[in-house]
Amino acid sequence: MIRHVVLAKLKPGYDAAELSSIQRELHELNCPGTVRMTAGVDAGLRDGNCDFVIVADFTDADAFHGYDRDEAHNRVRARLVQMADQVSRAQFEIEG
């Protein structure tokens, strides 16, 4: 299984309603091979954290690549990138 992690540092004054919409639309994506999609705003438990995180699990690398190329996902991604000063991402294998 592949775990995909995205961390975003958002621009000051970002639109919270738009971020909520992005979060909802991520959960509504229906990409084949998606096992779990989690996204949310940082809980504020430690200074210096990123503001928004996405963690998604996929059955395999092919499923991740399908998600990465998905048109609906890329529309949502573009909106998040516009709100962000920095976006970091990584994928790694997990047992499933």
PDB file of N, CA and C in Angstrom:
ATOM      1  N   MET A   1       0.847  -1.166   0.000  1.00  0.00           N
ATOM      2  CA  MET A   1       0.000   0.000   0.000  1.00  0.00           C
ATOM      3  C   MET A   1       0.901   1.240   0.000  1.00  0.00           C
ATOM      4  N   ILE A   2       0.409   2.305  -0.578  1.00  0.00           N
ATOM      5  CA  ILE A   2       1.134   3.576  -0.651  1.00  0.00           C
ATOM      6  C   ILE A   2       0.404   4.615   0.203  1.00  0.00           C
ATOM      7  N   ARG A   3       1.167   5.282   1.068  1.00  0.00           N
ATOM      8  CA  ARG A   3       0.622   6.411   1.835  1.00  0.00           C
ATOM      9  C   ARG A   3       1.170   7.697   1.229  1.00  0.00           C
ATOM     10  N   HIS A   4       0.267   8.631   0.970  1.00  0.00           N
ATOM     11  CA  HIS A   4       0.583   9.941   0.386  1.00  0.00           C
ATOM     12  C   HIS A   4       0.302  10.991   1.453  1.00  0.00           C
ATOM     13  N   VAL A   5       1.302  11.827   1.755  1.00  0.00           N
ATOM     14  CA  VAL A   5       1.165  12.858   2.787  1.00  0.00           C
ATOM     15  C   VAL A   5       1.465  14.215   2.164  1.00  0.00           C
ATOM     16  N   VAL A   6       0.581  15.170   2.405  1.00  0.00           N
ATOM     17  CA  VAL A   6       0.755  16.543   1.925  1.00  0.00           C
ATOM     18  C   VAL A   6       0.658  17.467   3.137  1.00  0.00           C
ATOM     19  N   LEU A   7       1.617  18.382   3.250  1.00  0.00           N
ATOM     20  CA  LEU A   7       1.603  19.402   4.301  1.00  0.00           C
ATOM     21  C   LEU A   7       1.618  20.762   3.633  1.00  0.00           C
ATOM     22  N   ALA A   8       0.707  21.631   4.029  1.00  0.00           N
ATOM     23  CA  ALA A   8       0.620  22.961   3.422  1.00  0.00           C
ATOM     24  C   ALA A   8       0.728  24.039   4.493  1.00  0.00           C
ATOM     25  N   LYS A   9       1.600  24.991   4.233  1.00  0.00           N
ATOM     26  CA  LYS A   9       1.693  26.213   5.033  1.00  0.00           C
ATOM     27  C   LYS A   9       0.900  27.263   4.267  1.00  0.00           C
ATOM     28  N   LEU A  10      -0.215  27.707   4.829  1.00  0.00           N
ATOM     29  CA  LEU A  10      -1.129  28.586   4.108  1.00  0.00           C
ATOM     30  C   LEU A  10      -0.740  30.049   4.257  1.00  0.00           C
ATOM     31  N   LYS A  11      -1.149  30.831   3.265  1.00  0.00           N
ATOM     32  CA  LYS A  11      -0.890  32.269   3.283  1.00  0.00           C
ATOM     33  C   LYS A  11      -1.690  32.919   4.408  1.00  0.00           C
ATOM     34  N   PRO A  12      -1.134  33.956   5.031  1.00  0.00           N
ATOM     35  CA  PRO A  12      -1.893  34.667   6.062  1.00  0.00           C
ATOM     36  C   PRO A  12      -3.229  35.163   5.494  1.00  0.00           C
ATOM     37  N   GLY A  13      -4.271  35.045   6.308  1.00  0.00           N
ATOM     38  CA  GLY A  13      -5.585  35.518   5.892  1.00  0.00           C
ATOM     39  C   GLY A  13      -6.288  34.616   4.899  1.00  0.00           C
ATOM     40  N   TYR A  14      -5.867  33.347   4.815  1.00  0.00           N
ATOM     41  CA  TYR A  14      -6.511  32.431   3.867  1.00  0.00           C
ATOM     42  C   TYR A  14      -8.013  32.342   4.150  1.00  0.00           C
ATOM     43  N   ASP A  15      -8.755  31.964   3.126  1.00  0.00           N
ATOM     44  CA  ASP A  15     -10.215  31.860   3.195  1.00  0.00           C
ATOM     45  C   ASP A  15     -10.597  30.519   3.826  1.00  0.00           C
ATOM     46  N   ALA A  16     -11.050  30.547   5.080  1.00  0.00           N
ATOM     47  CA  ALA A  16     -11.394  29.322   5.796  1.00  0.00           C
ATOM     48  C   ALA A  16     -12.545  28.572   5.126  1.00  0.00           C
ATOM     49  N   ALA A  17     -13.494  29.283   4.546  1.00  0.00           N
ATOM     50  CA  ALA A  17     -14.612  28.631   3.857  1.00  0.00           C
ATOM     51  C   ALA A  17     -14.114  27.888   2.620  1.00  0.00           C
ATOM     52  N   GLU A  18     -13.181  28.486   1.897  1.00  0.00           N
ATOM     53  CA  GLU A  18     -12.599  27.819   0.724  1.00  0.00           C
ATOM     54  C   GLU A  18     -11.819  26.583   1.155  1.00  0.00           C
ATOM     55  N   LEU A  19     -11.076  26.678   2.248  1.00  0.00           N
ATOM     56  CA  LEU A  19     -10.328  25.523   2.740  1.00  0.00           C
ATOM     57  C   LEU A  19     -11.278  24.404   3.151  1.00  0.00           C
ATOM     58  N   SER A  20     -12.375  24.745   3.783  1.00  0.00           N
ATOM     59  CA  SER A  20     -13.381  23.757   4.158  1.00  0.00           C
ATOM     60  C   SER A  20     -13.973  23.084   2.923  1.00  0.00           C
ATOM     61  N   SER A  21     -14.206  23.856   1.878  1.00  0.00           N
ATOM     62  CA  SER A  21     -14.711  23.312   0.618  1.00  0.00           C
ATOM     63  C   SER A  21     -13.696  22.356  -0.004  1.00  0.00           C
ATOM     64  N   ILE A  22     -12.431  22.734   0.017  1.00  0.00           N
ATOM     65  CA  ILE A  22     -11.366  21.867  -0.505  1.00  0.00           C
ATOM     66  C   ILE A  22     -11.338  20.555   0.264  1.00  0.00           C
ATOM     67  N   GLN A  23     -11.406  20.641   1.578  1.00  0.00           N
ATOM     68  CA  GLN A  23     -11.389  19.444   2.417  1.00  0.00           C
ATOM     69  C   GLN A  23     -12.559  18.523   2.065  1.00  0.00           C
ATOM     70  N   ARG A  24     -13.749  19.089   1.944  1.00  0.00           N
ATOM     71  CA  ARG A  24     -14.937  18.295   1.604  1.00  0.00           C
ATOM     72  C   ARG A  24     -14.779  17.632   0.242  1.00  0.00           C
ATOM     73  N   GLU A  25     -14.305  18.403  -0.742  1.00  0.00           N
ATOM     74  CA  GLU A  25     -14.163  17.861  -2.094  1.00  0.00           C
ATOM     75  C   GLU A  25     -13.099  16.772  -2.158  1.00  0.00           C
ATOM     76  N   LEU A  26     -12.053  16.876  -1.365  1.00  0.00           N
ATOM     77  CA  LEU A  26     -11.064  15.797  -1.303  1.00  0.00           C
ATOM     78  C   LEU A  26     -11.719  14.510  -0.817  1.00  0.00           C
ATOM     79  N   HIS A  27     -12.557  14.618   0.209  1.00  0.00           N
ATOM     80  CA  HIS A  27     -13.244  13.444   0.749  1.00  0.00           C
ATOM     81  C   HIS A  27     -14.244  12.867  -0.247  1.00  0.00           C
ATOM     82  N   GLU A  28     -14.755  13.690  -1.153  1.00  0.00           N
ATOM     83  CA  GLU A  28     -15.743  13.235  -2.136  1.00  0.00           C
ATOM     84  C   GLU A  28     -15.116  12.627  -3.387  1.00  0.00           C
ATOM     85  N   LEU A  29     -13.797  12.765  -3.554  1.00  0.00           N
ATOM     86  CA  LEU A  29     -13.151  12.166  -4.724  1.00  0.00           C
ATOM     87  C   LEU A  29     -13.398  10.666  -4.723  1.00  0.00           C
ATOM     88  N   ASN A  30     -13.570  10.106  -5.892  1.00  0.00           N
ATOM     89  CA  ASN A  30     -13.851   8.679  -6.008  1.00  0.00           C
ATOM     90  C   ASN A  30     -12.839   8.040  -6.945  1.00  0.00           C
ATOM     91  N   CYS A  31     -11.572   8.129  -6.588  1.00  0.00           N
ATOM     92  CA  CYS A  31     -10.513   7.583  -7.437  1.00  0.00           C
ATOM     93  C   CYS A  31     -10.327   6.098  -7.130  1.00  0.00           C
ATOM     94  N   PRO A  32     -10.297   5.257  -8.151  1.00  0.00           N
ATOM     95  CA  PRO A  32     -10.105   3.823  -7.938  1.00  0.00           C
ATOM     96  C   PRO A  32      -8.820   3.548  -7.157  1.00  0.00           C
ATOM     97  N   GLY A  33      -8.911   2.631  -6.216  1.00  0.00           N
ATOM     98  CA  GLY A  33      -7.744   2.233  -5.439  1.00  0.00           C
ATOM     99  C   GLY A  33      -7.481   3.090  -4.219  1.00  0.00           C
ATOM    100  N   THR A  34      -8.336   4.090  -3.975  1.00  0.00           N
ATOM    101  CA  THR A  34      -8.187   4.888  -2.757  1.00  0.00           C
ATOM    102  C   THR A  34      -8.760   4.086  -1.593  1.00  0.00           C
ATOM    103  N   VAL A  35      -7.934   3.824  -0.601  1.00  0.00           N
ATOM    104  CA  VAL A  35      -8.364   3.075   0.573  1.00  0.00           C
ATOM    105  C   VAL A  35      -8.925   4.022   1.628  1.00  0.00           C
ATOM    106  N   ARG A  36      -8.237   5.144   1.818  1.00  0.00           N
ATOM    107  CA  ARG A  36      -8.664   6.113   2.834  1.00  0.00           C
ATOM    108  C   ARG A  36      -8.130   7.486   2.478  1.00  0.00           C
ATOM    109  N   MET A  37      -8.955   8.499   2.691  1.00  0.00           N
ATOM    110  CA  MET A  37      -8.572   9.895   2.460  1.00  0.00           C
ATOM    111  C   MET A  37      -8.905  10.672   3.729  1.00  0.00           C
ATOM    112  N   THR A  38      -7.901  11.297   4.313  1.00  0.00           N
ATOM    113  CA  THR A  38      -8.086  12.120   5.505  1.00  0.00           C
ATOM    114  C   THR A  38      -7.468  13.478   5.235  1.00  0.00           C
ATOM    115  N   ALA A  39      -8.164  14.537   5.589  1.00  0.00           N
ATOM    116  CA  ALA A  39      -7.630  15.888   5.421  1.00  0.00           C
ATOM    117  C   ALA A  39      -8.169  16.751   6.544  1.00  0.00           C
ATOM    118  N   GLY A  40      -7.336  17.681   7.009  1.00  0.00           N
ATOM    119  CA  GLY A  40      -7.811  18.553   8.068  1.00  0.00           C
ATOM    120  C   GLY A  40      -6.861  19.682   8.390  1.00  0.00           C
ATOM    121  N   VAL A  41      -7.373  20.581   9.203  1.00  0.00           N
ATOM    122  CA  VAL A  41      -6.620  21.742   9.665  1.00  0.00           C
ATOM    123  C   VAL A  41      -5.815  21.330  10.893  1.00  0.00           C
ATOM    124  N   ASP A  42      -4.599  21.842  11.003  1.00  0.00           N
ATOM    125  CA  ASP A  42      -3.732  21.540  12.134  1.00  0.00           C
ATOM    126  C   ASP A  42      -4.439  21.843  13.454  1.00  0.00           C
ATOM    127  N   ALA A  43      -4.243  20.982  14.432  1.00  0.00           N
ATOM    128  CA  ALA A  43      -4.891  21.126  15.736  1.00  0.00           C
ATOM    129  C   ALA A  43      -4.243  22.202  16.606  1.00  0.00           C
ATOM    130  N   GLY A  44      -3.117  22.749  16.175  1.00  0.00           N
ATOM    131  CA  GLY A  44      -2.480  23.834  16.917  1.00  0.00           C
ATOM    132  C   GLY A  44      -1.802  23.394  18.200  1.00  0.00           C
ATOM    133  N   LEU A  45      -1.361  22.149  18.256  1.00  0.00           N
ATOM    134  CA  LEU A  45      -0.752  21.626  19.475  1.00  0.00           C
ATOM    135  C   LEU A  45       0.718  21.993  19.626  1.00  0.00           C
ATOM    136  N   ARG A  46       1.317  22.484  18.542  1.00  0.00           N
ATOM    137  CA  ARG A  46       2.731  22.842  18.585  1.00  0.00           C
ATOM    138  C   ARG A  46       2.979  24.008  17.637  1.00  0.00           C
ATOM    139  N   ASP A  47       3.757  24.986  18.083  1.00  0.00           N
ATOM    140  CA  ASP A  47       4.100  26.134  17.245  1.00  0.00           C
ATOM    141  C   ASP A  47       4.918  25.694  16.040  1.00  0.00           C
ATOM    142  N   GLY A  48       4.719  26.378  14.927  1.00  0.00           N
ATOM    143  CA  GLY A  48       5.518  26.133  13.735  1.00  0.00           C
ATOM    144  C   GLY A  48       5.002  25.046  12.817  1.00  0.00           C
ATOM    145  N   ASN A  49       3.904  24.396  13.186  1.00  0.00           N
ATOM    146  CA  ASN A  49       3.356  23.350  12.326  1.00  0.00           C
ATOM    147  C   ASN A  49       2.809  23.940  11.029  1.00  0.00           C
ATOM    148  N   CYS A  50       2.622  23.069  10.054  1.00  0.00           N
ATOM    149  CA  CYS A  50       1.892  23.462   8.856  1.00  0.00           C
ATOM    150  C   CYS A  50       0.425  23.646   9.232  1.00  0.00           C
ATOM    151  N   ASP A  51      -0.331  24.245   8.335  1.00  0.00           N
ATOM    152  CA  ASP A  51      -1.721  24.589   8.625  1.00  0.00           C
ATOM    153  C   ASP A  51      -2.728  23.536   8.186  1.00  0.00           C
ATOM    154  N   PHE A  52      -2.383  22.759   7.160  1.00  0.00           N
ATOM    155  CA  PHE A  52      -3.338  21.829   6.561  1.00  0.00           C
ATOM    156  C   PHE A  52      -2.591  20.575   6.144  1.00  0.00           C
ATOM    157  N   VAL A  53      -3.222  19.428   6.359  1.00  0.00           N
ATOM    158  CA  VAL A  53      -2.586  18.156   6.023  1.00  0.00           C
ATOM    159  C   VAL A  53      -3.576  17.249   5.298  1.00  0.00           C
ATOM    160  N   ILE A  54      -3.031  16.480   4.375  1.00  0.00           N
ATOM    161  CA  ILE A  54      -3.783  15.433   3.680  1.00  0.00           C
ATOM    162  C   ILE A  54      -2.992  14.146   3.849  1.00  0.00           C
ATOM    163  N   VAL A  55      -3.672  13.083   4.255  1.00  0.00           N
ATOM    164  CA  VAL A  55      -3.072  11.752   4.308  1.00  0.00           C
ATOM    165  C   VAL A  55      -4.010  10.837   3.535  1.00  0.00           C
ATOM    166  N   ALA A  56      -3.475  10.198   2.507  1.00  0.00           N
ATOM    167  CA  ALA A  56      -4.298   9.318   1.674  1.00  0.00           C
ATOM    168  C   ALA A  56      -3.570   8.000   1.464  1.00  0.00           C
ATOM    169  N   ASP A  57      -4.298   6.910   1.581  1.00  0.00           N
ATOM    170  CA  ASP A  57      -3.743   5.581   1.362  1.00  0.00           C
ATOM    171  C   ASP A  57      -4.325   4.997   0.082  1.00  0.00           C
ATOM    172  N   PHE A  58      -3.443   4.365  -0.694  1.00  0.00           N
ATOM    173  CA  PHE A  58      -3.814   3.774  -1.979  1.00  0.00           C
ATOM    174  C   PHE A  58      -3.359   2.323  -2.017  1.00  0.00           C
ATOM    175  N   THR A  59      -4.081   1.512  -2.759  1.00  0.00           N
ATOM    176  CA  THR A  59      -3.765   0.091  -2.825  1.00  0.00           C
ATOM    177  C   THR A  59      -2.362  -0.171  -3.343  1.00  0.00           C
ATOM    178  N   ASP A  60      -1.915   0.655  -4.287  1.00  0.00           N
ATOM    179  CA  ASP A  60      -0.586   0.466  -4.875  1.00  0.00           C
ATOM    180  C   ASP A  60      -0.171   1.735  -5.619  1.00  0.00           C
ATOM    181  N   ALA A  61       1.024   1.702  -6.198  1.00  0.00           N
ATOM    182  CA  ALA A  61       1.554   2.880  -6.906  1.00  0.00           C
ATOM    183  C   ALA A  61       0.681   3.253  -8.100  1.00  0.00           C
ATOM    184  N   ASP A  62       0.129   2.262  -8.794  1.00  0.00           N
ATOM    185  CA  ASP A  62      -0.740   2.571  -9.934  1.00  0.00           C
ATOM    186  C   ASP A  62      -1.971   3.359  -9.490  1.00  0.00           C
ATOM    187  N   ALA A  63      -2.548   2.985  -8.353  1.00  0.00           N
ATOM    188  CA  ALA A  63      -3.711   3.716  -7.833  1.00  0.00           C
ATOM    189  C   ALA A  63      -3.317   5.144  -7.468  1.00  0.00           C
ATOM    190  N   PHE A  64      -2.138   5.315  -6.855  1.00  0.00           N
ATOM    191  CA  PHE A  64      -1.674   6.672  -6.540  1.00  0.00           C
ATOM    192  C   PHE A  64      -1.516   7.490  -7.817  1.00  0.00           C
ATOM    193  N   HIS A  65      -0.899   6.906  -8.839  1.00  0.00           N
ATOM    194  CA  HIS A  65      -0.690   7.651 -10.089  1.00  0.00           C
ATOM    195  C   HIS A  65      -2.026   8.020 -10.738  1.00  0.00           C
ATOM    196  N   GLY A  66      -3.023   7.144 -10.626  1.00  0.00           N
ATOM    197  CA  GLY A  66      -4.348   7.472 -11.140  1.00  0.00           C
ATOM    198  C   GLY A  66      -4.944   8.669 -10.413  1.00  0.00           C
ATOM    199  N   TYR A  67      -4.815   8.688  -9.100  1.00  0.00           N
ATOM    200  CA  TYR A  67      -5.271   9.828  -8.287  1.00  0.00           C
ATOM    201  C   TYR A  67      -4.512  11.085  -8.680  1.00  0.00           C
ATOM    202  N   ASP A  68      -3.207  10.965  -8.850  1.00  0.00           N
ATOM    203  CA  ASP A  68      -2.363  12.112  -9.174  1.00  0.00           C
ATOM    204  C   ASP A  68      -2.748  12.743 -10.513  1.00  0.00           C
ATOM    205  N   ARG A  69      -3.250  11.927 -11.438  1.00  0.00           N
ATOM    206  CA  ARG A  69      -3.642  12.420 -12.765  1.00  0.00           C
ATOM    207  C   ARG A  69      -5.128  12.784 -12.857  1.00  0.00           C
ATOM    208  N   ASP A  70      -5.902  12.446 -11.843  1.00  0.00           N
ATOM    209  CA  ASP A  70      -7.350  12.652 -11.874  1.00  0.00           C
ATOM    210  C   ASP A  70      -7.701  14.135 -12.029  1.00  0.00           C
ATOM    211  N   GLU A  71      -8.589  14.445 -12.981  1.00  0.00           N
ATOM    212  CA  GLU A  71      -8.944  15.843 -13.273  1.00  0.00           C
ATOM    213  C   GLU A  71      -9.579  16.549 -12.080  1.00  0.00           C
ATOM    214  N   ALA A  72     -10.510  15.889 -11.399  1.00  0.00           N
ATOM    215  CA  ALA A  72     -11.162  16.519 -10.245  1.00  0.00           C
ATOM    216  C   ALA A  72     -10.142  16.787  -9.138  1.00  0.00           C
ATOM    217  N   HIS A  73      -9.269  15.829  -8.897  1.00  0.00           N
ATOM    218  CA  HIS A  73      -8.218  16.021  -7.894  1.00  0.00           C
ATOM    219  C   HIS A  73      -7.328  17.196  -8.260  1.00  0.00           C
ATOM    220  N   ASN A  74      -6.964  17.304  -9.516  1.00  0.00           N
ATOM    221  CA  ASN A  74      -6.066  18.384  -9.933  1.00  0.00           C
ATOM    222  C   ASN A  74      -6.728  19.756  -9.857  1.00  0.00           C
ATOM    223  N   ARG A  75      -8.041  19.818 -10.033  1.00  0.00           N
ATOM    224  CA  ARG A  75      -8.746  21.093  -9.831  1.00  0.00           C
ATOM    225  C   ARG A  75      -8.702  21.499  -8.355  1.00  0.00           C
ATOM    226  N   VAL A  76      -8.919  20.528  -7.468  1.00  0.00           N
ATOM    227  CA  VAL A  76      -8.857  20.802  -6.029  1.00  0.00           C
ATOM    228  C   VAL A  76      -7.429  21.170  -5.633  1.00  0.00           C
ATOM    229  N   ARG A  77      -6.462  20.432  -6.138  1.00  0.00           N
ATOM    230  CA  ARG A  77      -5.053  20.702  -5.830  1.00  0.00           C
ATOM    231  C   ARG A  77      -4.671  22.127  -6.233  1.00  0.00           C
ATOM    232  N   ALA A  78      -5.099  22.562  -7.399  1.00  0.00           N
ATOM    233  CA  ALA A  78      -4.757  23.908  -7.878  1.00  0.00           C
ATOM    234  C   ALA A  78      -5.311  24.978  -6.938  1.00  0.00           C
ATOM    235  N   ARG A  79      -6.499  24.753  -6.419  1.00  0.00           N
ATOM    236  CA  ARG A  79      -7.085  25.721  -5.477  1.00  0.00           C
ATOM    237  C   ARG A  79      -6.302  25.765  -4.174  1.00  0.00           C
ATOM    238  N   LEU A  80      -5.869  24.606  -3.685  1.00  0.00           N
ATOM    239  CA  LEU A  80      -5.072  24.576  -2.458  1.00  0.00           C
ATOM    240  C   LEU A  80      -3.730  25.266  -2.668  1.00  0.00           C
ATOM    241  N   VAL A  81      -3.086  25.002  -3.782  1.00  0.00           N
ATOM    242  CA  VAL A  81      -1.782  25.609  -4.070  1.00  0.00           C
ATOM    243  C   VAL A  81      -1.888  27.131  -4.100  1.00  0.00           C
ATOM    244  N   GLN A  82      -2.987  27.665  -4.622  1.00  0.00           N
ATOM    245  CA  GLN A  82      -3.180  29.120  -4.655  1.00  0.00           C
ATOM    246  C   GLN A  82      -3.240  29.719  -3.254  1.00  0.00           C
ATOM    247  N   MET A  83      -3.686  28.940  -2.281  1.00  0.00           N
ATOM    248  CA  MET A  83      -3.814  29.422  -0.903  1.00  0.00           C
ATOM    249  C   MET A  83      -2.529  29.262  -0.099  1.00  0.00           C
ATOM    250  N   ALA A  84      -1.565  28.543  -0.644  1.00  0.00           N
ATOM    251  CA  ALA A  84      -0.403  28.121   0.138  1.00  0.00           C
ATOM    252  C   ALA A  84       0.858  28.914  -0.182  1.00  0.00           C
ATOM    253  N   ASP A  85       1.636  29.150   0.862  1.00  0.00           N
ATOM    254  CA  ASP A  85       2.992  29.671   0.686  1.00  0.00           C
ATOM    255  C   ASP A  85       3.954  28.528   0.398  1.00  0.00           C
ATOM    256  N   GLN A  86       3.643  27.347   0.932  1.00  0.00           N
ATOM    257  CA  GLN A  86       4.521  26.192   0.766  1.00  0.00           C
ATOM    258  C   GLN A  86       3.695  24.917   0.818  1.00  0.00           C
ATOM    259  N   VAL A  87       4.016  23.974  -0.055  1.00  0.00           N
ATOM    260  CA  VAL A  87       3.396  22.653  -0.043  1.00  0.00           C
ATOM    261  C   VAL A  87       4.511  21.621  -0.130  1.00  0.00           C
ATOM    262  N   SER A  88       4.494  20.665   0.799  1.00  0.00           N
ATOM    263  CA  SER A  88       5.443  19.553   0.779  1.00  0.00           C
ATOM    264  C   SER A  88       4.650  18.267   0.677  1.00  0.00           C
ATOM    265  N   ARG A  89       5.215  17.296  -0.012  1.00  0.00           N
ATOM    266  CA  ARG A  89       4.517  16.022  -0.158  1.00  0.00           C
ATOM    267  C   ARG A  89       5.518  14.881  -0.198  1.00  0.00           C
ATOM    268  N   ALA A  90       5.053  13.702   0.194  1.00  0.00           N
ATOM    269  CA  ALA A  90       5.874  12.492   0.143  1.00  0.00           C
ATOM    270  C   ALA A  90       4.948  11.290   0.036  1.00  0.00           C
ATOM    271  N   GLN A  91       5.476  10.236  -0.571  1.00  0.00           N
ATOM    272  CA  GLN A  91       4.759   8.976  -0.645  1.00  0.00           C
ATOM    273  C   GLN A  91       5.703   7.893  -0.116  1.00  0.00           C
ATOM    274  N   PHE A  92       5.132   6.931   0.616  1.00  0.00           N
ATOM    275  CA  PHE A  92       5.947   5.825   1.109  1.00  0.00           C
ATOM    276  C   PHE A  92       5.078   4.585   1.245  1.00  0.00           C
ATOM    277  N   GLU A  93       5.739   3.441   1.268  1.00  0.00           N
ATOM    278  CA  GLU A  93       5.023   2.175   1.369  1.00  0.00           C
ATOM    279  C   GLU A  93       4.681   1.882   2.820  1.00  0.00           C
ATOM    280  N   ILE A  94       3.473   1.341   3.013  1.00  0.00           N
ATOM    281  CA  ILE A  94       3.043   0.896   4.335  1.00  0.00           C
ATOM    282  C   ILE A  94       2.471  -0.507   4.201  1.00  0.00           C
ATOM    283  N   GLU A  95       2.409  -1.208   5.311  1.00  0.00           N
ATOM    284  CA  GLU A  95       1.773  -2.521   5.295  1.00  0.00           C
ATOM    285  C   GLU A  95       0.273  -2.333   5.288  1.00  0.00           C
ATOM    286  N   GLY A  96      -0.393  -3.179   4.569  1.00  0.00           N
ATOM    287  CA  GLY A  96      -1.833  -3.017   4.504  1.00  0.00           C
ATOM    288  C   GLY A  96      -2.490  -4.319   4.483  1.00  0.00           C
TER     289      GLY A  96
END
